[in-house]
Amino acid sequence: MIALLRCIKSDFYKLRHTSIPWIHLLIPLAGAIMFLAYYRLSSFDSVKKISGYLEILAIAFPLLIGIISGIVIEQEEQAGNFQTLLCSTKSKCTTYLSKLIVLLLLESFSIILAVGTFALGFQTMPNIFYLKAAGALVIGNMFLYILHVFISLQFGKGASTGLGVVGSLVSALMLTGLGDKVWSWVPWAWGVRFCDYLVFAWANPSAPTEAVFDTKQGIFIMLFAIGMLFFSSLFWFRQWEGRKSYD
C-alpha cells in the first residue's frame, strides 16, 4: 500500500508540468459555462436542457479518454521506453494500478467540476440528481480507461486516439433507436444511457418497469465487464515486457 501511494504521488508529480491538469480543469469549466450561457437564451424546457448537457458530456468523454490515456502512456514510453513503469517497484502491478488510479481520480475531478459548475448555474434539479449523474459518468467510463491504457501500452497513442474517436461516434449512435436493444452490451453507451435514464426517471416518477429493468441489467453487465477487464489487464501487464520496436 505504501509503495502504491508513493507511485500515485510520483505520477501526479510527473503530470504537473504537462497539459493533462489543464485539460481536466479548463475543458469541463469552459464546456459548462458555454452551455449555461446558451441555455439562458434557449427556449428548450429544463428536462431537454439537462438531458442535452449530460449527453454531450458523456459523448465527449470517450474521445478525451483516448487522448489523455495516450498522452500519459506516451510520457512513460519517452522516459526510457517504459523502464520506469516496468522496473521502479518490486511488483509491476503497483505501477500499473497507480496509472489507472491517477487517471480515474483526474476523471472524477473533471466530471465533478463539469456537473457541479452546471448545477450551480442551473438549479432546477435536486443536488442528489447531479450527484447520481456524476457517479454514473465516473463509473460508466471506468471500463474505457482500463481499455485505453491497454491500447496505449500495446499499440501507442495513435491507436488510443483513433479508438476514442470511434467510441464517441458509437456513444452518439447508441442514443438512437439502434441502441435500444444492445446498449447494455456496449461500453461506450453506458455513461450516456445511464444519464438519460436518470433524467427520464426524474421527469417520470412512475417510470415503466421495462426502463427500470433495462437500467439494472446495464449496471450488472457493466460491473461484471469492468471486473473481468480489470483482472485480465492485471494478468496481462504482469507478463508484458514493453512494446517491441516492430509493434
C-alpha atoms as a PDB file:
ATOM      1  CA  MET A   1       0.000   0.000   0.000  1.00  0.00           C
ATOM      2  CA  ILE A   2       2.824   2.415   0.846  1.00  0.00           C
ATOM      3  CA  ALA A   3       4.514   1.621  -2.475  1.00  0.00           C
ATOM      4  CA  LEU A   4       1.247   2.283  -4.300  1.00  0.00           C
ATOM      5  CA  LEU A   5       0.757   5.643  -2.565  1.00  0.00           C
ATOM      6  CA  ARG A   6       4.307   6.625  -3.459  1.00  0.00           C
ATOM      7  CA  CYS A   7       3.702   5.680  -7.084  1.00  0.00           C
ATOM      8  CA  ILE A   8       0.485   7.723  -7.174  1.00  0.00           C
ATOM      9  CA  LYS A   9       2.302  10.728  -5.725  1.00  0.00           C
ATOM     10  CA  SER A  10       5.096  10.279  -8.265  1.00  0.00           C
ATOM     11  CA  ASP A  11       2.622  10.011 -11.157  1.00  0.00           C
ATOM     12  CA  PHE A  12       0.889  13.230 -10.138  1.00  0.00           C
ATOM     13  CA  TYR A  13       4.284  14.916  -9.924  1.00  0.00           C
ATOM     14  CA  LYS A  14       5.137  13.746 -13.458  1.00  0.00           C
ATOM     15  CA  LEU A  15       1.926  15.276 -14.796  1.00  0.00           C
ATOM     16  CA  ARG A  16       2.395  18.587 -13.019  1.00  0.00           C
ATOM     17  CA  HIS A  17       4.129  20.321 -15.944  1.00  0.00           C
ATOM     18  CA  THR A  18       2.112  18.691 -18.730  1.00  0.00           C
ATOM     19  CA  SER A  19      -1.161  19.661 -20.402  1.00  0.00           C
ATOM     20  CA  ILE A  20      -3.092  16.959 -18.531  1.00  0.00           C
ATOM     21  CA  PRO A  21      -4.074  19.013 -15.438  1.00  0.00           C
ATOM     22  CA  TRP A  22      -5.171  21.912 -17.657  1.00  0.00           C
ATOM     23  CA  ILE A  23      -7.251  19.620 -19.853  1.00  0.00           C
ATOM     24  CA  HIS A  24      -9.101  18.327 -16.787  1.00  0.00           C
ATOM     25  CA  LEU A  25      -9.595  21.849 -15.420  1.00  0.00           C
ATOM     26  CA  LEU A  26     -10.312  24.090 -18.399  1.00  0.00           C
ATOM     27  CA  ILE A  27     -12.360  21.836 -20.681  1.00  0.00           C
ATOM     28  CA  PRO A  28     -15.104  20.995 -18.118  1.00  0.00           C
ATOM     29  CA  LEU A  29     -15.235  24.609 -16.910  1.00  0.00           C
ATOM     30  CA  ALA A  30     -15.410  26.026 -20.424  1.00  0.00           C
ATOM     31  CA  GLY A  31     -17.997  23.459 -21.503  1.00  0.00           C
ATOM     32  CA  ALA A  32     -20.285  24.078 -18.523  1.00  0.00           C
ATOM     33  CA  ILE A  33     -20.053  27.875 -18.871  1.00  0.00           C
ATOM     34  CA  MET A  34     -20.774  27.737 -22.613  1.00  0.00           C
ATOM     35  CA  PHE A  35     -23.859  25.580 -22.091  1.00  0.00           C
ATOM     36  CA  LEU A  36     -25.126  27.761 -19.250  1.00  0.00           C
ATOM     37  CA  ALA A  37     -24.712  30.869 -21.409  1.00  0.00           C
ATOM     38  CA  TYR A  38     -26.525  29.213 -24.313  1.00  0.00           C
ATOM     39  CA  TYR A  39     -29.339  27.925 -22.127  1.00  0.00           C
ATOM     40  CA  ARG A  40     -30.061  31.434 -20.851  1.00  0.00           C
ATOM     41  CA  LEU A  41     -31.087  32.304 -24.409  1.00  0.00           C
ATOM     42  CA  SER A  42     -32.608  28.952 -25.352  1.00  0.00           C
ATOM     43  CA  SER A  43     -36.337  28.239 -25.194  1.00  0.00           C
ATOM     44  CA  PHE A  44     -35.985  24.492 -24.556  1.00  0.00           C
ATOM     45  CA  ASP A  45     -37.628  23.137 -21.415  1.00  0.00           C
ATOM     46  CA  SER A  46     -35.484  22.238 -18.406  1.00  0.00           C
ATOM     47  CA  VAL A  47     -35.592  18.479 -18.970  1.00  0.00           C
ATOM     48  CA  LYS A  48     -34.267  18.792 -22.535  1.00  0.00           C
ATOM     49  CA  LYS A  49     -31.566  21.216 -21.440  1.00  0.00           C
ATOM     50  CA  ILE A  50     -30.245  18.947 -18.689  1.00  0.00           C
ATOM     51  CA  SER A  51     -30.543  15.835 -20.849  1.00  0.00           C
ATOM     52  CA  GLY A  52     -28.703  17.561 -23.703  1.00  0.00           C
ATOM     53  CA  TYR A  53     -25.842  18.719 -21.494  1.00  0.00           C
ATOM     54  CA  LEU A  54     -25.301  15.312 -19.907  1.00  0.00           C
ATOM     55  CA  GLU A  55     -25.497  13.590 -23.292  1.00  0.00           C
ATOM     56  CA  ILE A  56     -22.849  15.876 -24.815  1.00  0.00           C
ATOM     57  CA  LEU A  57     -20.660  15.379 -21.748  1.00  0.00           C
ATOM     58  CA  ALA A  58     -20.957  11.583 -21.987  1.00  0.00           C
ATOM     59  CA  ILE A  59     -20.336  11.563 -25.756  1.00  0.00           C
ATOM     60  CA  ALA A  60     -17.209  13.718 -25.402  1.00  0.00           C
ATOM     61  CA  PHE A  61     -15.553  11.510 -22.794  1.00  0.00           C
ATOM     62  CA  PRO A  62     -14.576   8.513 -24.971  1.00  0.00           C
ATOM     63  CA  LEU A  63     -12.537  10.846 -27.189  1.00  0.00           C
ATOM     64  CA  LEU A  64     -10.982  12.632 -24.203  1.00  0.00           C
ATOM     65  CA  ILE A  65     -10.159   9.298 -22.558  1.00  0.00           C
ATOM     66  CA  GLY A  66      -8.438   8.147 -25.742  1.00  0.00           C
ATOM     67  CA  ILE A  67      -6.337  11.306 -25.977  1.00  0.00           C
ATOM     68  CA  ILE A  68      -5.463  11.549 -22.275  1.00  0.00           C
ATOM     69  CA  SER A  69      -4.563   7.859 -21.893  1.00  0.00           C
ATOM     70  CA  GLY A  70      -2.359   8.105 -24.964  1.00  0.00           C
ATOM     71  CA  ILE A  71      -0.528  11.179 -23.647  1.00  0.00           C
ATOM     72  CA  VAL A  72       0.058   9.662 -20.194  1.00  0.00           C
ATOM     73  CA  ILE A  73       1.391   6.370 -21.565  1.00  0.00           C
ATOM     74  CA  GLU A  74       3.471   8.112 -24.227  1.00  0.00           C
ATOM     75  CA  GLN A  75       5.187  10.024 -21.428  1.00  0.00           C
ATOM     76  CA  GLU A  76       6.276   6.693 -19.932  1.00  0.00           C
ATOM     77  CA  GLU A  77       7.483   5.489 -23.319  1.00  0.00           C
ATOM     78  CA  GLN A  78       9.624   8.599 -23.794  1.00  0.00           C
ATOM     79  CA  ALA A  79      11.070   8.246 -20.293  1.00  0.00           C
ATOM     80  CA  GLY A  80      13.274   5.232 -21.017  1.00  0.00           C
ATOM     81  CA  ASN A  81      10.950   3.095 -23.134  1.00  0.00           C
ATOM     82  CA  PHE A  82       8.670   2.097 -20.202  1.00  0.00           C
ATOM     83  CA  GLN A  83      11.557   1.120 -17.928  1.00  0.00           C
ATOM     84  CA  THR A  84      10.261   3.344 -15.094  1.00  0.00           C
ATOM     85  CA  LEU A  85       6.852   1.752 -15.403  1.00  0.00           C
ATOM     86  CA  LEU A  86       8.253  -1.782 -15.508  1.00  0.00           C
ATOM     87  CA  CYS A  87      11.157  -1.637 -13.058  1.00  0.00           C
ATOM     88  CA  SER A  88      10.556   1.082 -10.460  1.00  0.00           C
ATOM     89  CA  THR A  89       8.795  -1.196  -7.916  1.00  0.00           C
ATOM     90  CA  LYS A  90       9.040  -4.824  -6.820  1.00  0.00           C
ATOM     91  CA  SER A  91       5.579  -5.525  -8.207  1.00  0.00           C
ATOM     92  CA  LYS A  92       4.849  -4.398 -11.754  1.00  0.00           C
ATOM     93  CA  CYS A  93       1.158  -4.304 -10.889  1.00  0.00           C
ATOM     94  CA  THR A  94       1.808  -1.445  -8.459  1.00  0.00           C
ATOM     95  CA  THR A  95       2.868   0.974 -11.188  1.00  0.00           C
ATOM     96  CA  TYR A  96       0.014  -0.185 -13.407  1.00  0.00           C
ATOM     97  CA  LEU A  97      -2.553   0.344 -10.645  1.00  0.00           C
ATOM     98  CA  SER A  98      -1.049   3.736  -9.925  1.00  0.00           C
ATOM     99  CA  LYS A  99      -1.573   4.846 -13.527  1.00  0.00           C
ATOM    100  CA  LEU A 100      -5.190   3.675 -13.504  1.00  0.00           C
ATOM    101  CA  ILE A 101      -5.950   5.307 -10.149  1.00  0.00           C
ATOM    102  CA  VAL A 102      -4.425   8.624 -11.211  1.00  0.00           C
ATOM    103  CA  LEU A 103      -6.450   8.629 -14.433  1.00  0.00           C
ATOM    104  CA  LEU A 104      -9.659   7.754 -12.578  1.00  0.00           C
ATOM    105  CA  LEU A 105      -9.040  10.449  -9.954  1.00  0.00           C
ATOM    106  CA  LEU A 106      -8.484  13.024 -12.680  1.00  0.00           C
ATOM    107  CA  GLU A 107     -11.628  11.816 -14.436  1.00  0.00           C
ATOM    108  CA  SER A 108     -13.633  12.124 -11.209  1.00  0.00           C
ATOM    109  CA  PHE A 109     -12.342  15.645 -10.635  1.00  0.00           C
ATOM    110  CA  SER A 110     -13.186  16.653 -14.208  1.00  0.00           C
ATOM    111  CA  ILE A 111     -16.711  15.204 -14.088  1.00  0.00           C
ATOM    112  CA  ILE A 112     -17.469  16.695 -10.660  1.00  0.00           C
ATOM    113  CA  LEU A 113     -16.254  20.068 -11.941  1.00  0.00           C
ATOM    114  CA  ALA A 114     -18.313  19.851 -15.135  1.00  0.00           C
ATOM    115  CA  VAL A 115     -21.507  18.663 -13.432  1.00  0.00           C
ATOM    116  CA  GLY A 116     -21.022  20.831 -10.333  1.00  0.00           C
ATOM    117  CA  THR A 117     -20.455  24.033 -12.317  1.00  0.00           C
ATOM    118  CA  PHE A 118     -23.545  23.305 -14.392  1.00  0.00           C
ATOM    119  CA  ALA A 119     -25.565  22.535 -11.254  1.00  0.00           C
ATOM    120  CA  LEU A 120     -24.605  25.870  -9.686  1.00  0.00           C
ATOM    121  CA  GLY A 121     -25.921  27.749 -12.694  1.00  0.00           C
ATOM    122  CA  PHE A 122     -28.928  25.546 -13.406  1.00  0.00           C
ATOM    123  CA  GLN A 123     -30.580  24.812 -10.092  1.00  0.00           C
ATOM    124  CA  THR A 124     -33.787  23.229 -11.338  1.00  0.00           C
ATOM    125  CA  MET A 125     -32.787  19.744 -10.192  1.00  0.00           C
ATOM    126  CA  PRO A 126     -32.134  18.487  -6.644  1.00  0.00           C
ATOM    127  CA  ASN A 127     -28.494  18.063  -5.685  1.00  0.00           C
ATOM    128  CA  ILE A 128     -28.924  14.298  -5.383  1.00  0.00           C
ATOM    129  CA  PHE A 129     -29.758  14.136  -9.099  1.00  0.00           C
ATOM    130  CA  TYR A 130     -26.490  15.823 -10.053  1.00  0.00           C
ATOM    131  CA  LEU A 131     -24.572  13.546  -7.669  1.00  0.00           C
ATOM    132  CA  LYS A 132     -26.112  10.481  -9.311  1.00  0.00           C
ATOM    133  CA  ALA A 133     -25.340  11.852 -12.782  1.00  0.00           C
ATOM    134  CA  ALA A 134     -21.697  12.470 -11.843  1.00  0.00           C
ATOM    135  CA  GLY A 135     -21.451   8.981 -10.341  1.00  0.00           C
ATOM    136  CA  ALA A 136     -22.982   7.415 -13.455  1.00  0.00           C
ATOM    137  CA  LEU A 137     -20.428   9.138 -15.671  1.00  0.00           C
ATOM    138  CA  VAL A 138     -17.471   8.206 -13.455  1.00  0.00           C
ATOM    139  CA  ILE A 139     -18.410   4.536 -13.181  1.00  0.00           C
ATOM    140  CA  GLY A 140     -19.633   4.366 -16.773  1.00  0.00           C
ATOM    141  CA  ASN A 141     -16.177   5.386 -18.034  1.00  0.00           C
ATOM    142  CA  MET A 142     -14.067   3.051 -15.869  1.00  0.00           C
ATOM    143  CA  PHE A 143     -14.113   0.270 -18.456  1.00  0.00           C
ATOM    144  CA  LEU A 144     -12.931   2.706 -21.135  1.00  0.00           C
ATOM    145  CA  TYR A 145      -9.964   3.885 -19.058  1.00  0.00           C
ATOM    146  CA  ILE A 146      -8.756   0.326 -18.489  1.00  0.00           C
ATOM    147  CA  LEU A 147      -9.227  -0.461 -22.177  1.00  0.00           C
ATOM    148  CA  HIS A 148      -7.413   2.665 -23.369  1.00  0.00           C
ATOM    149  CA  VAL A 149      -4.471   2.154 -21.027  1.00  0.00           C
ATOM    150  CA  PHE A 150      -4.049  -1.313 -22.533  1.00  0.00           C
ATOM    151  CA  ILE A 151      -4.390   0.020 -26.102  1.00  0.00           C
ATOM    152  CA  SER A 152      -1.909   2.830 -25.380  1.00  0.00           C
ATOM    153  CA  LEU A 153       0.632   0.455 -23.875  1.00  0.00           C
ATOM    154  CA  GLN A 154       0.349  -2.153 -26.595  1.00  0.00           C
ATOM    155  CA  PHE A 155      -0.254  -0.054 -29.705  1.00  0.00           C
ATOM    156  CA  GLY A 156       0.511   3.593 -28.888  1.00  0.00           C
ATOM    157  CA  LYS A 157      -1.189   6.987 -28.651  1.00  0.00           C
ATOM    158  CA  GLY A 158      -2.465   6.972 -32.242  1.00  0.00           C
ATOM    159  CA  ALA A 159      -4.452   3.780 -31.725  1.00  0.00           C
ATOM    160  CA  SER A 160      -5.904   5.059 -28.444  1.00  0.00           C
ATOM    161  CA  THR A 161      -6.954   8.372 -30.001  1.00  0.00           C
ATOM    162  CA  GLY A 162      -8.441   6.605 -33.017  1.00  0.00           C
ATOM    163  CA  LEU A 163     -10.458   4.300 -30.787  1.00  0.00           C
ATOM    164  CA  GLY A 164     -11.585   7.348 -28.814  1.00  0.00           C
ATOM    165  CA  VAL A 165     -12.964   8.970 -31.974  1.00  0.00           C
ATOM    166  CA  VAL A 166     -14.844   5.787 -32.861  1.00  0.00           C
ATOM    167  CA  GLY A 167     -16.041   5.466 -29.257  1.00  0.00           C
ATOM    168  CA  SER A 168     -17.595   8.946 -29.255  1.00  0.00           C
ATOM    169  CA  LEU A 169     -19.385   8.186 -32.532  1.00  0.00           C
ATOM    170  CA  VAL A 170     -20.683   4.890 -31.131  1.00  0.00           C
ATOM    171  CA  SER A 171     -21.789   6.662 -27.954  1.00  0.00           C
ATOM    172  CA  ALA A 172     -23.834   9.129 -30.005  1.00  0.00           C
ATOM    173  CA  LEU A 173     -25.260   6.311 -32.121  1.00  0.00           C
ATOM    174  CA  MET A 174     -26.394   4.439 -29.008  1.00  0.00           C
ATOM    175  CA  LEU A 175     -28.788   7.298 -28.224  1.00  0.00           C
ATOM    176  CA  THR A 176     -30.833   6.428 -31.302  1.00  0.00           C
ATOM    177  CA  GLY A 177     -33.239   3.559 -31.730  1.00  0.00           C
ATOM    178  CA  LEU A 178     -30.338   1.363 -32.835  1.00  0.00           C
ATOM    179  CA  GLY A 179     -29.078   1.329 -29.266  1.00  0.00           C
ATOM    180  CA  ASP A 180     -32.345   0.456 -27.537  1.00  0.00           C
ATOM    181  CA  LYS A 181     -31.750  -3.305 -27.540  1.00  0.00           C
ATOM    182  CA  VAL A 182     -27.957  -3.519 -27.431  1.00  0.00           C
ATOM    183  CA  TRP A 183     -26.753  -0.536 -25.375  1.00  0.00           C
ATOM    184  CA  SER A 184     -26.197  -2.549 -22.182  1.00  0.00           C
ATOM    185  CA  TRP A 185     -23.548  -4.626 -24.020  1.00  0.00           C
ATOM    186  CA  VAL A 186     -21.711  -1.610 -25.483  1.00  0.00           C
ATOM    187  CA  PRO A 187     -19.233   0.076 -23.073  1.00  0.00           C
ATOM    188  CA  TRP A 188     -19.375   3.396 -24.948  1.00  0.00           C
ATOM    189  CA  ALA A 189     -23.121   3.564 -24.311  1.00  0.00           C
ATOM    190  CA  TRP A 190     -23.118   3.109 -20.533  1.00  0.00           C
ATOM    191  CA  GLY A 191     -22.408   6.685 -19.447  1.00  0.00           C
ATOM    192  CA  VAL A 192     -24.781   8.336 -21.891  1.00  0.00           C
ATOM    193  CA  ARG A 193     -27.605   5.850 -21.373  1.00  0.00           C
ATOM    194  CA  PHE A 194     -27.414   5.918 -17.572  1.00  0.00           C
ATOM    195  CA  CYS A 195     -27.621   9.712 -17.636  1.00  0.00           C
ATOM    196  CA  ASP A 196     -30.607   9.526 -19.969  1.00  0.00           C
ATOM    197  CA  TYR A 197     -32.359   7.081 -17.657  1.00  0.00           C
ATOM    198  CA  LEU A 198     -31.702   9.371 -14.679  1.00  0.00           C
ATOM    199  CA  VAL A 199     -33.370  12.281 -16.475  1.00  0.00           C
ATOM    200  CA  PHE A 200     -36.216  10.013 -17.595  1.00  0.00           C
ATOM    201  CA  ALA A 201     -36.775   8.710 -14.060  1.00  0.00           C
ATOM    202  CA  TRP A 202     -36.807  12.248 -12.654  1.00  0.00           C
ATOM    203  CA  ALA A 203     -39.250  13.506 -15.291  1.00  0.00           C
ATOM    204  CA  ASN A 204     -41.425  10.375 -14.995  1.00  0.00           C
ATOM    205  CA  PRO A 205     -41.600   9.291 -11.324  1.00  0.00           C
ATOM    206  CA  SER A 206     -43.812   6.337 -12.253  1.00  0.00           C
ATOM    207  CA  ALA A 207     -41.277   5.029 -14.751  1.00  0.00           C
ATOM    208  CA  PRO A 208     -42.221   1.879 -16.689  1.00  0.00           C
ATOM    209  CA  THR A 209     -40.933  -1.395 -15.258  1.00  0.00           C
ATOM    210  CA  GLU A 210     -39.131  -2.092 -18.535  1.00  0.00           C
ATOM    211  CA  ALA A 211     -36.955   1.032 -18.157  1.00  0.00           C
ATOM    212  CA  VAL A 212     -36.029   0.070 -14.585  1.00  0.00           C
ATOM    213  CA  PHE A 213     -35.175  -3.472 -15.682  1.00  0.00           C
ATOM    214  CA  ASP A 214     -33.037  -2.140 -18.563  1.00  0.00           C
ATOM    215  CA  THR A 215     -31.081   0.060 -16.171  1.00  0.00           C
ATOM    216  CA  LYS A 216     -30.455  -2.726 -13.652  1.00  0.00           C
ATOM    217  CA  GLN A 217     -29.401  -5.100 -16.416  1.00  0.00           C
ATOM    218  CA  GLY A 218     -26.992  -2.483 -17.785  1.00  0.00           C
ATOM    219  CA  ILE A 219     -25.476  -1.886 -14.340  1.00  0.00           C
ATOM    220  CA  PHE A 220     -24.953  -5.625 -13.775  1.00  0.00           C
ATOM    221  CA  ILE A 221     -23.307  -6.147 -17.180  1.00  0.00           C
ATOM    222  CA  MET A 222     -21.146  -3.056 -16.723  1.00  0.00           C
ATOM    223  CA  LEU A 223     -19.835  -4.055 -13.281  1.00  0.00           C
ATOM    224  CA  PHE A 224     -19.149  -7.619 -14.442  1.00  0.00           C
ATOM    225  CA  ALA A 225     -17.302  -6.360 -17.541  1.00  0.00           C
ATOM    226  CA  ILE A 226     -15.228  -3.878 -15.505  1.00  0.00           C
ATOM    227  CA  GLY A 227     -14.187  -6.631 -13.096  1.00  0.00           C
ATOM    228  CA  MET A 228     -13.287  -9.052 -15.888  1.00  0.00           C
ATOM    229  CA  LEU A 229     -11.292  -6.475 -17.851  1.00  0.00           C
ATOM    230  CA  PHE A 230      -9.508  -5.171 -14.761  1.00  0.00           C
ATOM    231  CA  PHE A 231      -8.248  -8.590 -13.613  1.00  0.00           C
ATOM    232  CA  SER A 232      -7.409  -9.614 -17.179  1.00  0.00           C
ATOM    233  CA  SER A 233      -5.401  -6.431 -17.655  1.00  0.00           C
ATOM    234  CA  LEU A 234      -3.511  -7.028 -14.393  1.00  0.00           C
ATOM    235  CA  PHE A 235      -2.600 -10.528 -15.532  1.00  0.00           C
ATOM    236  CA  TRP A 236      -1.554  -9.233 -18.963  1.00  0.00           C
ATOM    237  CA  PHE A 237       0.591  -6.429 -17.540  1.00  0.00           C
ATOM    238  CA  ARG A 238       2.468  -8.866 -15.279  1.00  0.00           C
ATOM    239  CA  GLN A 239       3.616 -10.671 -18.440  1.00  0.00           C
ATOM    240  CA  TRP A 240       4.227  -7.537 -20.503  1.00  0.00           C
ATOM    241  CA  GLU A 241       7.847  -6.596 -21.146  1.00  0.00           C
ATOM    242  CA  GLY A 242       7.372  -3.374 -23.074  1.00  0.00           C
ATOM    243  CA  ARG A 243       6.401  -2.536 -26.628  1.00  0.00           C
ATOM    244  CA  LYS A 244       8.655  -4.087 -29.232  1.00  0.00           C
ATOM    245  CA  SER A 245      10.120  -1.943 -31.984  1.00  0.00           C
ATOM    246  CA  TYR A 246       8.074  -3.762 -34.611  1.00  0.00           C
ATOM    247  CA  ASP A 247       4.710  -3.284 -32.799  1.00  0.00           C
END
